[in-house]
All heavy atoms as atom14 arrays in JSON, in Angstrom:
{
  "sequence": "EIEGVRSTRREIGEVLERLRENDRHGRFLGIVQKYALLESRPDIAVST",
  "atom14_mask": [
    [1, 1, 1, 1, 1, 1, 1, 1, 1, 0, 0, 0, 0, 0],
    [1, 1, 1, 1, 1, 1, 1, 1, 0, 0, 0, 0, 0, 0],
    [1, 1, 1, 1, 1, 1, 1, 1, 1, 0, 0, 0, 0, 0],
    [1, 1, 1, 1, 0, 0, 0, 0, 0, 0, 0, 0, 0, 0],
    [1, 1, 1, 1, 1, 1, 1, 0, 0, 0, 0, 0, 0, 0],
    [1, 1, 1, 1, 1, 1, 1, 1, 1, 1, 1, 0, 0, 0],
    [1, 1, 1, 1, 1, 1, 0, 0, 0, 0, 0, 0, 0, 0],
    [1, 1, 1, 1, 1, 1, 1, 0, 0, 0, 0, 0, 0, 0],
    [1, 1, 1, 1, 1, 1, 1, 1, 1, 1, 1, 0, 0, 0],
    [1, 1, 1, 1, 1, 1, 1, 1, 1, 1, 1, 0, 0, 0],
    [1, 1, 1, 1, 1, 1, 1, 1, 1, 0, 0, 0, 0, 0],
    [1, 1, 1, 1, 1, 1, 1, 1, 0, 0, 0, 0, 0, 0],
    [1, 1, 1, 1, 0, 0, 0, 0, 0, 0, 0, 0, 0, 0],
    [1, 1, 1, 1, 1, 1, 1, 1, 1, 0, 0, 0, 0, 0],
    [1, 1, 1, 1, 1, 1, 1, 0, 0, 0, 0, 0, 0, 0],
    [1, 1, 1, 1, 1, 1, 1, 1, 0, 0, 0, 0, 0, 0],
    [1, 1, 1, 1, 1, 1, 1, 1, 1, 0, 0, 0, 0, 0],
    [1, 1, 1, 1, 1, 1, 1, 1, 1, 1, 1, 0, 0, 0],
    [1, 1, 1, 1, 1, 1, 1, 1, 0, 0, 0, 0, 0, 0],
    [1, 1, 1, 1, 1, 1, 1, 1, 1, 1, 1, 0, 0, 0],
    [1, 1, 1, 1, 1, 1, 1, 1, 1, 0, 0, 0, 0, 0],
    [1, 1, 1, 1, 1, 1, 1, 1, 0, 0, 0, 0, 0, 0],
    [1, 1, 1, 1, 1, 1, 1, 1, 0, 0, 0, 0, 0, 0],
    [1, 1, 1, 1, 1, 1, 1, 1, 1, 1, 1, 0, 0, 0],
    [1, 1, 1, 1, 1, 1, 1, 1, 1, 1, 0, 0, 0, 0],
    [1, 1, 1, 1, 0, 0, 0, 0, 0, 0, 0, 0, 0, 0],
    [1, 1, 1, 1, 1, 1, 1, 1, 1, 1, 1, 0, 0, 0],
    [1, 1, 1, 1, 1, 1, 1, 1, 1, 1, 1, 0, 0, 0],
    [1, 1, 1, 1, 1, 1, 1, 1, 0, 0, 0, 0, 0, 0],
    [1, 1, 1, 1, 0, 0, 0, 0, 0, 0, 0, 0, 0, 0],
    [1, 1, 1, 1, 1, 1, 1, 1, 0, 0, 0, 0, 0, 0],
    [1, 1, 1, 1, 1, 1, 1, 0, 0, 0, 0, 0, 0, 0],
    [1, 1, 1, 1, 1, 1, 1, 1, 1, 0, 0, 0, 0, 0],
    [1, 1, 1, 1, 1, 1, 1, 1, 1, 0, 0, 0, 0, 0],
    [1, 1, 1, 1, 1, 1, 1, 1, 1, 1, 1, 1, 0, 0],
    [1, 1, 1, 1, 1, 0, 0, 0, 0, 0, 0, 0, 0, 0],
    [1, 1, 1, 1, 1, 1, 1, 1, 0, 0, 0, 0, 0, 0],
    [1, 1, 1, 1, 1, 1, 1, 1, 0, 0, 0, 0, 0, 0],
    [1, 1, 1, 1, 1, 1, 1, 1, 1, 0, 0, 0, 0, 0],
    [1, 1, 1, 1, 1, 1, 0, 0, 0, 0, 0, 0, 0, 0],
    [1, 1, 1, 1, 1, 1, 1, 1, 1, 1, 1, 0, 0, 0],
    [1, 1, 1, 1, 1, 1, 1, 0, 0, 0, 0, 0, 0, 0],
    [1, 1, 1, 1, 1, 1, 1, 1, 0, 0, 0, 0, 0, 0],
    [1, 1, 1, 1, 1, 1, 1, 1, 0, 0, 0, 0, 0, 0],
    [1, 1, 1, 1, 1, 0, 0, 0, 0, 0, 0, 0, 0, 0],
    [1, 1, 1, 1, 1, 1, 1, 0, 0, 0, 0, 0, 0, 0],
    [1, 1, 1, 1, 1, 1, 0, 0, 0, 0, 0, 0, 0, 0],
    [1, 1, 1, 1, 1, 1, 1, 0, 0, 0, 0, 0, 0, 0]
  ],
  "atom14_positions": [
    [[-9.1, 9.59, -0.3], [-9.96, 10.79, -0.67], [-11.14, 10.88, 0.23], [-11.63, 12.0, 0.63], [-10.39, 10.6, -2.16], [-11.05, 11.87, -2.7], [-11.4, 11.64, -4.21], [-10.52, 11.26, -4.98], [-12.52, 12.01, -4.62], [0.0, 0.0, 0.0], [0.0, 0.0, 0.0], [0.0, 0.0, 0.0], [0.0, 0.0, 0.0], [0.0, 0.0, 0.0]],
    [[-11.83, 9.82, 0.56], [-12.96, 9.75, 1.48], [-12.67, 10.46, 2.77], [-13.48, 11.16, 3.4], [-13.47, 8.3, 1.63], [-14.12, 7.77, 0.34], [-14.58, 8.35, 2.75], [-14.49, 6.37, 0.31], [0.0, 0.0, 0.0], [0.0, 0.0, 0.0], [0.0, 0.0, 0.0], [0.0, 0.0, 0.0], [0.0, 0.0, 0.0], [0.0, 0.0, 0.0]],
    [[-11.45, 10.25, 3.17], [-10.98, 10.83, 4.44], [-10.28, 12.22, 4.33], [-9.74, 12.74, 5.33], [-9.96, 9.93, 5.17], [-10.49, 8.51, 5.43], [-11.78, 8.54, 6.21], [-11.84, 9.21, 7.3], [-12.76, 7.86, 5.81], [0.0, 0.0, 0.0], [0.0, 0.0, 0.0], [0.0, 0.0, 0.0], [0.0, 0.0, 0.0], [0.0, 0.0, 0.0]],
    [[-10.34, 12.71, 3.15], [-9.78, 14.13, 2.87], [-8.32, 14.12, 2.74], [-7.59, 15.15, 2.86], [0.0, 0.0, 0.0], [0.0, 0.0, 0.0], [0.0, 0.0, 0.0], [0.0, 0.0, 0.0], [0.0, 0.0, 0.0], [0.0, 0.0, 0.0], [0.0, 0.0, 0.0], [0.0, 0.0, 0.0], [0.0, 0.0, 0.0], [0.0, 0.0, 0.0]],
    [[-7.66, 12.87, 2.47], [-6.25, 12.76, 2.28], [-5.91, 12.71, 0.83], [-6.44, 11.73, 0.1], [-5.7, 11.51, 2.96], [-4.18, 11.38, 2.72], [-5.97, 11.61, 4.5], [0.0, 0.0, 0.0], [0.0, 0.0, 0.0], [0.0, 0.0, 0.0], [0.0, 0.0, 0.0], [0.0, 0.0, 0.0], [0.0, 0.0, 0.0], [0.0, 0.0, 0.0]],
    [[-5.18, 13.6, 0.31], [-4.96, 13.69, -1.22], [-3.79, 12.75, -1.55], [-2.68, 12.78, -1.0], [-4.63, 15.09, -1.63], [-4.53, 15.24, -3.16], [-4.24, 16.66, -3.6], [-4.18, 16.78, -5.07], [-3.16, 16.42, -5.8], [-2.04, 16.02, -5.21], [-3.15, 16.5, -7.07], [0.0, 0.0, 0.0], [0.0, 0.0, 0.0], [0.0, 0.0, 0.0]],
    [[-4.07, 11.93, -2.54], [-3.0, 11.13, -3.15], [-3.45, 10.92, -4.71], [-4.62, 11.06, -5.0], [-2.82, 9.81, -2.53], [-4.11, 9.08, -2.47], [0.0, 0.0, 0.0], [0.0, 0.0, 0.0], [0.0, 0.0, 0.0], [0.0, 0.0, 0.0], [0.0, 0.0, 0.0], [0.0, 0.0, 0.0], [0.0, 0.0, 0.0], [0.0, 0.0, 0.0]],
    [[-2.48, 10.71, -5.5], [-2.78, 10.6, -6.93], [-2.43, 9.12, -7.39], [-1.75, 8.39, -6.75], [-1.82, 11.51, -7.83], [-0.48, 11.13, -7.63], [-2.05, 12.97, -7.41], [0.0, 0.0, 0.0], [0.0, 0.0, 0.0], [0.0, 0.0, 0.0], [0.0, 0.0, 0.0], [0.0, 0.0, 0.0], [0.0, 0.0, 0.0], [0.0, 0.0, 0.0]],
    [[-2.98, 8.79, -8.56], [-2.84, 7.41, -9.02], [-1.3, 7.13, -9.33], [-0.79, 6.14, -9.03], [-3.62, 7.22, -10.33], [-5.13, 7.29, -10.12], [-5.9, 7.08, -11.42], [-6.09, 5.68, -11.65], [-6.34, 5.07, -12.82], [-6.32, 5.89, -13.89], [-6.56, 3.78, -12.98], [0.0, 0.0, 0.0], [0.0, 0.0, 0.0], [0.0, 0.0, 0.0]],
    [[-0.72, 8.21, -9.91], [0.69, 8.08, -10.23], [1.58, 7.94, -8.97], [2.5, 7.08, -8.97], [1.18, 9.29, -11.01], [2.62, 9.16, -11.51], [2.94, 10.28, -12.56], [1.98, 10.2, -13.62], [1.93, 11.15, -14.59], [2.71, 12.23, -14.45], [1.12, 10.94, -15.68], [0.0, 0.0, 0.0], [0.0, 0.0, 0.0], [0.0, 0.0, 0.0]],
    [[1.22, 8.67, -7.95], [1.96, 8.63, -6.68], [1.85, 7.24, -6.08], [2.81, 6.6, -5.7], [1.38, 9.6, -5.71], [2.09, 9.8, -4.43], [1.51, 10.92, -3.63], [0.38, 11.31, -3.87], [2.17, 11.27, -2.54], [0.0, 0.0, 0.0], [0.0, 0.0, 0.0], [0.0, 0.0, 0.0], [0.0, 0.0, 0.0], [0.0, 0.0, 0.0]],
    [[0.6, 6.65, -6.04], [0.4, 5.36, -5.49], [1.11, 4.26, -6.38], [1.69, 3.29, -5.91], [-1.06, 5.04, -5.29], [-1.73, 6.08, -4.32], [-1.26, 3.65, -4.75], [-1.08, 6.11, -2.92], [0.0, 0.0, 0.0], [0.0, 0.0, 0.0], [0.0, 0.0, 0.0], [0.0, 0.0, 0.0], [0.0, 0.0, 0.0], [0.0, 0.0, 0.0]],
    [[0.99, 4.44, -7.66], [1.6, 3.51, -8.65], [3.1, 3.47, -8.48], [3.73, 2.42, -8.52], [0.0, 0.0, 0.0], [0.0, 0.0, 0.0], [0.0, 0.0, 0.0], [0.0, 0.0, 0.0], [0.0, 0.0, 0.0], [0.0, 0.0, 0.0], [0.0, 0.0, 0.0], [0.0, 0.0, 0.0], [0.0, 0.0, 0.0], [0.0, 0.0, 0.0]],
    [[3.77, 4.67, -8.24], [5.22, 4.75, -8.02], [5.55, 3.91, -6.73], [6.54, 3.28, -6.65], [5.68, 6.09, -8.02], [5.58, 6.78, -9.37], [5.94, 8.26, -9.28], [6.04, 8.84, -8.18], [6.03, 8.9, -10.5], [0.0, 0.0, 0.0], [0.0, 0.0, 0.0], [0.0, 0.0, 0.0], [0.0, 0.0, 0.0], [0.0, 0.0, 0.0]],
    [[4.73, 4.06, -5.66], [5.03, 3.38, -4.43], [4.96, 1.95, -4.67], [5.75, 1.12, -4.21], [4.06, 3.81, -3.34], [4.22, 2.99, -2.1], [4.2, 5.28, -2.98], [0.0, 0.0, 0.0], [0.0, 0.0, 0.0], [0.0, 0.0, 0.0], [0.0, 0.0, 0.0], [0.0, 0.0, 0.0], [0.0, 0.0, 0.0], [0.0, 0.0, 0.0]],
    [[3.96, 1.46, -5.41], [3.76, 0.02, -5.68], [4.98, -0.53, -6.47], [5.48, -1.63, -6.21], [2.48, -0.25, -6.53], [2.1, -1.67, -6.84], [1.94, -2.5, -5.51], [0.82, -1.66, -7.68], [0.0, 0.0, 0.0], [0.0, 0.0, 0.0], [0.0, 0.0, 0.0], [0.0, 0.0, 0.0], [0.0, 0.0, 0.0], [0.0, 0.0, 0.0]],
    [[5.42, 0.27, -7.45], [6.58, -0.11, -8.28], [7.83, -0.21, -7.36], [8.6, -1.17, -7.55], [6.78, 0.89, -9.42], [7.92, 0.41, -10.39], [7.94, 1.46, -11.6], [6.95, 2.08, -11.84], [9.02, 1.42, -12.17], [0.0, 0.0, 0.0], [0.0, 0.0, 0.0], [0.0, 0.0, 0.0], [0.0, 0.0, 0.0], [0.0, 0.0, 0.0]],
    [[8.04, 0.77, -6.48], [9.22, 0.7, -5.65], [9.13, -0.43, -4.69], [10.15, -1.08, -4.32], [9.33, 2.07, -4.89], [9.68, 3.31, -5.73], [10.33, 4.36, -4.83], [9.41, 4.74, -3.76], [8.46, 5.66, -3.88], [8.2, 6.25, -5.06], [7.67, 6.0, -2.87], [0.0, 0.0, 0.0], [0.0, 0.0, 0.0], [0.0, 0.0, 0.0]],
    [[7.96, -0.74, -4.14], [7.69, -1.81, -3.25], [8.2, -3.19, -3.87], [8.82, -3.98, -3.19], [6.32, -1.91, -2.78], [5.88, -2.98, -1.77], [6.57, -2.59, -0.49], [4.37, -2.9, -1.61], [0.0, 0.0, 0.0], [0.0, 0.0, 0.0], [0.0, 0.0, 0.0], [0.0, 0.0, 0.0], [0.0, 0.0, 0.0], [0.0, 0.0, 0.0]],
    [[7.92, -3.31, -5.19], [8.28, -4.53, -5.78], [9.73, -4.63, -6.2], [10.25, -5.7, -6.47], [7.48, -4.73, -7.12], [6.02, -5.03, -6.83], [5.09, -4.99, -8.03], [3.8, -5.42, -7.68], [2.71, -5.2, -8.41], [2.76, -4.51, -9.52], [1.58, -5.65, -7.97], [0.0, 0.0, 0.0], [0.0, 0.0, 0.0], [0.0, 0.0, 0.0]],
    [[10.36, -3.48, -6.07], [11.91, -3.41, -6.18], [12.55, -3.44, -4.77], [13.72, -3.16, -4.6], [12.31, -2.21, -6.94], [11.81, -2.26, -8.44], [12.0, -0.92, -9.13], [12.39, 0.08, -8.44], [11.7, -0.91, -10.32], [0.0, 0.0, 0.0], [0.0, 0.0, 0.0], [0.0, 0.0, 0.0], [0.0, 0.0, 0.0], [0.0, 0.0, 0.0]],
    [[11.75, -3.76, -3.74], [12.26, -3.82, -2.34], [12.76, -2.52, -1.82], [13.54, -2.34, -0.89], [13.38, -4.82, -2.13], [12.84, -6.29, -2.28], [11.76, -6.58, -1.77], [13.59, -7.13, -3.0], [0.0, 0.0, 0.0], [0.0, 0.0, 0.0], [0.0, 0.0, 0.0], [0.0, 0.0, 0.0], [0.0, 0.0, 0.0], [0.0, 0.0, 0.0]],
    [[12.17, -1.38, -2.43], [12.42, -0.07, -1.89], [11.3, 0.3, -0.96], [10.26, 0.65, -1.39], [12.52, 0.95, -3.01], [12.87, 2.39, -2.57], [12.84, 2.6, -1.4], [13.06, 3.26, -3.47], [0.0, 0.0, 0.0], [0.0, 0.0, 0.0], [0.0, 0.0, 0.0], [0.0, 0.0, 0.0], [0.0, 0.0, 0.0], [0.0, 0.0, 0.0]],
    [[11.55, 0.23, 0.33], [10.46, 0.44, 1.33], [10.53, 1.8, 1.97], [10.64, 1.91, 3.21], [10.45, -0.72, 2.36], [10.35, -2.1, 1.68], [10.38, -3.16, 2.7], [10.39, -4.5, 1.98], [9.22, -5.07, 1.55], [8.08, -4.49, 1.76], [9.31, -6.2, 0.89], [0.0, 0.0, 0.0], [0.0, 0.0, 0.0], [0.0, 0.0, 0.0]],
    [[10.59, 2.83, 1.13], [10.61, 4.21, 1.67], [9.48, 4.93, 0.97], [9.04, 4.66, -0.15], [11.91, 4.84, 1.42], [13.12, 4.16, 2.12], [13.78, 3.14, 1.47], [13.64, 4.28, 3.32], [14.7, 2.65, 2.3], [14.68, 3.4, 3.43], [0.0, 0.0, 0.0], [0.0, 0.0, 0.0], [0.0, 0.0, 0.0], [0.0, 0.0, 0.0]],
    [[9.13, 6.06, 1.53], [8.22, 6.99, 1.0], [6.79, 7.01, 1.5], [6.4, 6.14, 2.33], [0.0, 0.0, 0.0], [0.0, 0.0, 0.0], [0.0, 0.0, 0.0], [0.0, 0.0, 0.0], [0.0, 0.0, 0.0], [0.0, 0.0, 0.0], [0.0, 0.0, 0.0], [0.0, 0.0, 0.0], [0.0, 0.0, 0.0], [0.0, 0.0, 0.0]],
    [[6.09, 8.07, 1.27], [4.7, 8.21, 1.75], [3.74, 7.12, 1.2], [3.94, 6.69, 0.05], [4.22, 9.63, 1.29], [2.99, 10.03, 2.1], [2.45, 11.38, 1.53], [1.29, 11.85, 2.2], [0.46, 12.7, 1.78], [0.69, 13.3, 0.55], [-0.64, 13.08, 2.42], [0.0, 0.0, 0.0], [0.0, 0.0, 0.0], [0.0, 0.0, 0.0]],
    [[2.81, 6.81, 2.05], [1.8, 5.75, 1.72], [2.3, 4.28, 1.51], [1.62, 3.46, 1.02], [1.08, 6.22, 0.4], [0.32, 7.51, 0.54], [0.56, 8.52, -0.36], [-0.57, 7.73, 1.52], [-0.05, 9.73, -0.3], [-1.3, 8.99, 1.59], [-0.98, 9.93, 0.69], [0.0, 0.0, 0.0], [0.0, 0.0, 0.0], [0.0, 0.0, 0.0]],
    [[3.51, 4.06, 1.94], [4.12, 2.76, 1.82], [3.25, 1.77, 2.56], [2.95, 0.62, 2.08], [5.58, 2.72, 2.37], [6.19, 1.38, 2.42], [6.41, 0.85, 1.03], [7.48, 1.41, 3.13], [0.0, 0.0, 0.0], [0.0, 0.0, 0.0], [0.0, 0.0, 0.0], [0.0, 0.0, 0.0], [0.0, 0.0, 0.0], [0.0, 0.0, 0.0]],
    [[2.89, 2.03, 3.87], [2.15, 1.14, 4.67], [0.87, 0.66, 4.03], [0.55, -0.51, 3.98], [0.0, 0.0, 0.0], [0.0, 0.0, 0.0], [0.0, 0.0, 0.0], [0.0, 0.0, 0.0], [0.0, 0.0, 0.0], [0.0, 0.0, 0.0], [0.0, 0.0, 0.0], [0.0, 0.0, 0.0], [0.0, 0.0, 0.0], [0.0, 0.0, 0.0]],
    [[0.02, 1.56, 3.55], [-1.28, 1.3, 3.03], [-1.08, 0.56, 1.67], [-1.9, -0.48, 1.36], [-2.08, 2.56, 2.89], [-3.6, 2.14, 2.63], [-1.66, 3.4, 1.76], [-4.55, 3.31, 2.82], [0.0, 0.0, 0.0], [0.0, 0.0, 0.0], [0.0, 0.0, 0.0], [0.0, 0.0, 0.0], [0.0, 0.0, 0.0], [0.0, 0.0, 0.0]],
    [[-0.11, 0.9, 0.81], [0.1, 0.26, -0.39], [0.53, -1.27, -0.17], [-0.03, -2.24, -0.74], [1.13, 0.9, -1.33], [1.47, 0.16, -2.52], [0.61, 2.22, -1.69], [0.0, 0.0, 0.0], [0.0, 0.0, 0.0], [0.0, 0.0, 0.0], [0.0, 0.0, 0.0], [0.0, 0.0, 0.0], [0.0, 0.0, 0.0], [0.0, 0.0, 0.0]],
    [[1.5, -1.44, 0.78], [1.99, -2.7, 1.14], [0.89, -3.59, 1.64], [0.78, -4.82, 1.27], [3.05, -2.55, 2.23], [3.88, -3.78, 2.48], [5.14, -3.45, 3.29], [5.3, -2.37, 3.88], [6.07, -4.36, 3.4], [0.0, 0.0, 0.0], [0.0, 0.0, 0.0], [0.0, 0.0, 0.0], [0.0, 0.0, 0.0], [0.0, 0.0, 0.0]],
    [[-0.09, -3.07, 2.46], [-1.13, -3.83, 3.05], [-2.13, -4.31, 2.0], [-2.53, -5.51, 1.93], [-1.79, -3.04, 4.12], [-2.38, -3.89, 5.24], [-1.32, -4.47, 6.15], [-1.9, -5.12, 7.35], [-0.98, -5.97, 8.11], [0.0, 0.0, 0.0], [0.0, 0.0, 0.0], [0.0, 0.0, 0.0], [0.0, 0.0, 0.0], [0.0, 0.0, 0.0]],
    [[-2.49, -3.34, 1.11], [-3.45, -3.74, 0.0], [-2.88, -4.7, -0.96], [-3.59, -5.53, -1.51], [-4.08, -2.46, -0.67], [-5.24, -1.83, 0.01], [-5.15, -0.78, 0.95], [-6.45, -2.38, -0.27], [-6.23, -0.28, 1.6], [-7.6, -1.85, 0.38], [-7.5, -0.78, 1.27], [-8.61, -0.27, 1.83], [0.0, 0.0, 0.0], [0.0, 0.0, 0.0]],
    [[-1.58, -4.52, -1.19], [-0.92, -5.4, -2.19], [-0.94, -6.86, -1.76], [-0.83, -7.74, -2.6], [0.48, -4.96, -2.45], [0.0, 0.0, 0.0], [0.0, 0.0, 0.0], [0.0, 0.0, 0.0], [0.0, 0.0, 0.0], [0.0, 0.0, 0.0], [0.0, 0.0, 0.0], [0.0, 0.0, 0.0], [0.0, 0.0, 0.0], [0.0, 0.0, 0.0]],
    [[-1.08, -7.08, -0.43], [-1.1, -8.51, 0.02], [-2.44, -9.2, -0.27], [-2.43, -10.43, -0.32], [-0.88, -8.43, 1.59], [0.42, -8.05, 2.13], [0.31, -8.0, 3.65], [1.5, -9.16, 1.74], [0.0, 0.0, 0.0], [0.0, 0.0, 0.0], [0.0, 0.0, 0.0], [0.0, 0.0, 0.0], [0.0, 0.0, 0.0], [0.0, 0.0, 0.0]],
    [[-3.46, -8.46, -0.59], [-4.8, -9.04, -0.69], [-4.87, -10.11, -1.79], [-5.68, -11.05, -1.62], [-5.88, -7.99, -0.87], [-6.07, -6.99, 0.27], [-7.26, -6.1, 0.01], [-6.24, -7.7, 1.63], [0.0, 0.0, 0.0], [0.0, 0.0, 0.0], [0.0, 0.0, 0.0], [0.0, 0.0, 0.0], [0.0, 0.0, 0.0], [0.0, 0.0, 0.0]],
    [[-4.11, -9.88, -2.8], [-4.2, -10.78, -3.96], [-3.83, -12.22, -3.56], [-4.37, -13.22, -4.1], [-3.2, -10.33, -5.1], [-3.09, -11.26, -6.31], [-4.4, -11.61, -6.92], [-5.34, -10.85, -6.92], [-4.44, -12.75, -7.5], [0.0, 0.0, 0.0], [0.0, 0.0, 0.0], [0.0, 0.0, 0.0], [0.0, 0.0, 0.0], [0.0, 0.0, 0.0]],
    [[-2.93, -12.36, -2.59], [-2.51, -13.75, -2.25], [-3.27, -14.35, -1.06], [-2.89, -15.42, -0.56], [-0.96, -13.64, -1.77], [-0.8, -12.78, -0.72], [0.0, 0.0, 0.0], [0.0, 0.0, 0.0], [0.0, 0.0, 0.0], [0.0, 0.0, 0.0], [0.0, 0.0, 0.0], [0.0, 0.0, 0.0], [0.0, 0.0, 0.0], [0.0, 0.0, 0.0]],
    [[-4.41, -13.58, -0.74], [-5.26, -14.07, 0.37], [-4.46, -14.39, 1.58], [-4.41, -15.52, 2.09], [-6.11, -15.25, -0.09], [-7.24, -14.87, -1.08], [-8.17, -16.17, -1.27], [-9.39, -15.68, -1.86], [-9.91, -16.22, -2.94], [-9.27, -17.15, -3.61], [-11.02, -15.78, -3.42], [0.0, 0.0, 0.0], [0.0, 0.0, 0.0], [0.0, 0.0, 0.0]],
    [[-3.78, -13.48, 2.24], [-3.01, -13.66, 3.38], [-3.82, -13.9, 4.65], [-5.08, -13.61, 4.58], [-2.2, -12.31, 3.49], [-3.13, -11.3, 3.0], [-3.86, -11.96, 1.81], [0.0, 0.0, 0.0], [0.0, 0.0, 0.0], [0.0, 0.0, 0.0], [0.0, 0.0, 0.0], [0.0, 0.0, 0.0], [0.0, 0.0, 0.0], [0.0, 0.0, 0.0]],
    [[-3.21, -14.44, 5.64], [-3.95, -14.66, 6.87], [-3.61, -13.47, 7.83], [-2.53, -13.4, 8.37], [-3.52, -15.97, 7.52], [-4.26, -16.26, 8.8], [-5.32, -15.6, 9.04], [-3.89, -17.19, 9.51], [0.0, 0.0, 0.0], [0.0, 0.0, 0.0], [0.0, 0.0, 0.0], [0.0, 0.0, 0.0], [0.0, 0.0, 0.0], [0.0, 0.0, 0.0]],
    [[-4.45, -12.49, 7.88], [-4.3, -11.3, 8.76], [-5.18, -11.45, 9.87], [-6.45, -11.53, 9.81], [-4.57, -10.04, 7.98], [-3.7, -9.84, 6.75], [-4.42, -8.77, 8.95], [-3.98, -8.71, 5.87], [0.0, 0.0, 0.0], [0.0, 0.0, 0.0], [0.0, 0.0, 0.0], [0.0, 0.0, 0.0], [0.0, 0.0, 0.0], [0.0, 0.0, 0.0]],
    [[-4.6, -11.52, 11.12], [-5.46, -11.63, 12.35], [-6.26, -10.39, 12.59], [-5.87, -9.29, 12.57], [-4.52, -11.9, 13.54], [0.0, 0.0, 0.0], [0.0, 0.0, 0.0], [0.0, 0.0, 0.0], [0.0, 0.0, 0.0], [0.0, 0.0, 0.0], [0.0, 0.0, 0.0], [0.0, 0.0, 0.0], [0.0, 0.0, 0.0], [0.0, 0.0, 0.0]],
    [[-7.54, -10.66, 12.83], [-8.53, -9.58, 13.26], [-9.43, -10.09, 14.34], [-10.62, -10.09, 14.26], [-9.38, -8.97, 12.14], [-8.5, -8.04, 11.23], [-9.9, -10.09, 11.21], [0.0, 0.0, 0.0], [0.0, 0.0, 0.0], [0.0, 0.0, 0.0], [0.0, 0.0, 0.0], [0.0, 0.0, 0.0], [0.0, 0.0, 0.0], [0.0, 0.0, 0.0]],
    [[-8.84, -10.61, 15.43], [-9.56, -11.21, 16.46], [-9.47, -10.51, 17.77], [-10.36, -10.65, 18.67], [-9.09, -12.66, 16.73], [-9.22, -13.45, 15.59], [0.0, 0.0, 0.0], [0.0, 0.0, 0.0], [0.0, 0.0, 0.0], [0.0, 0.0, 0.0], [0.0, 0.0, 0.0], [0.0, 0.0, 0.0], [0.0, 0.0, 0.0], [0.0, 0.0, 0.0]],
    [[-8.41, -9.69, 18.02], [-8.2, -8.95, 19.28], [-7.94, -7.55, 19.1], [-7.71, -7.07, 17.95], [-6.99, -9.6, 20.02], [-5.88, -9.28, 19.31], [-7.21, -11.16, 20.16], [0.0, 0.0, 0.0], [0.0, 0.0, 0.0], [0.0, 0.0, 0.0], [0.0, 0.0, 0.0], [0.0, 0.0, 0.0], [0.0, 0.0, 0.0], [0.0, 0.0, 0.0]]
  ]
}
């Protein structure tokens, strides 16, 4: 929303649910997948 991109809670929630069922299709998959990793404290390189 800060960037002027419209998405709804339900839309993002459905992507999260599909992701957990290994369905890796649909809009916003990349951003949902990336944020979902944060809970496990992953090692994401940000050096280069």
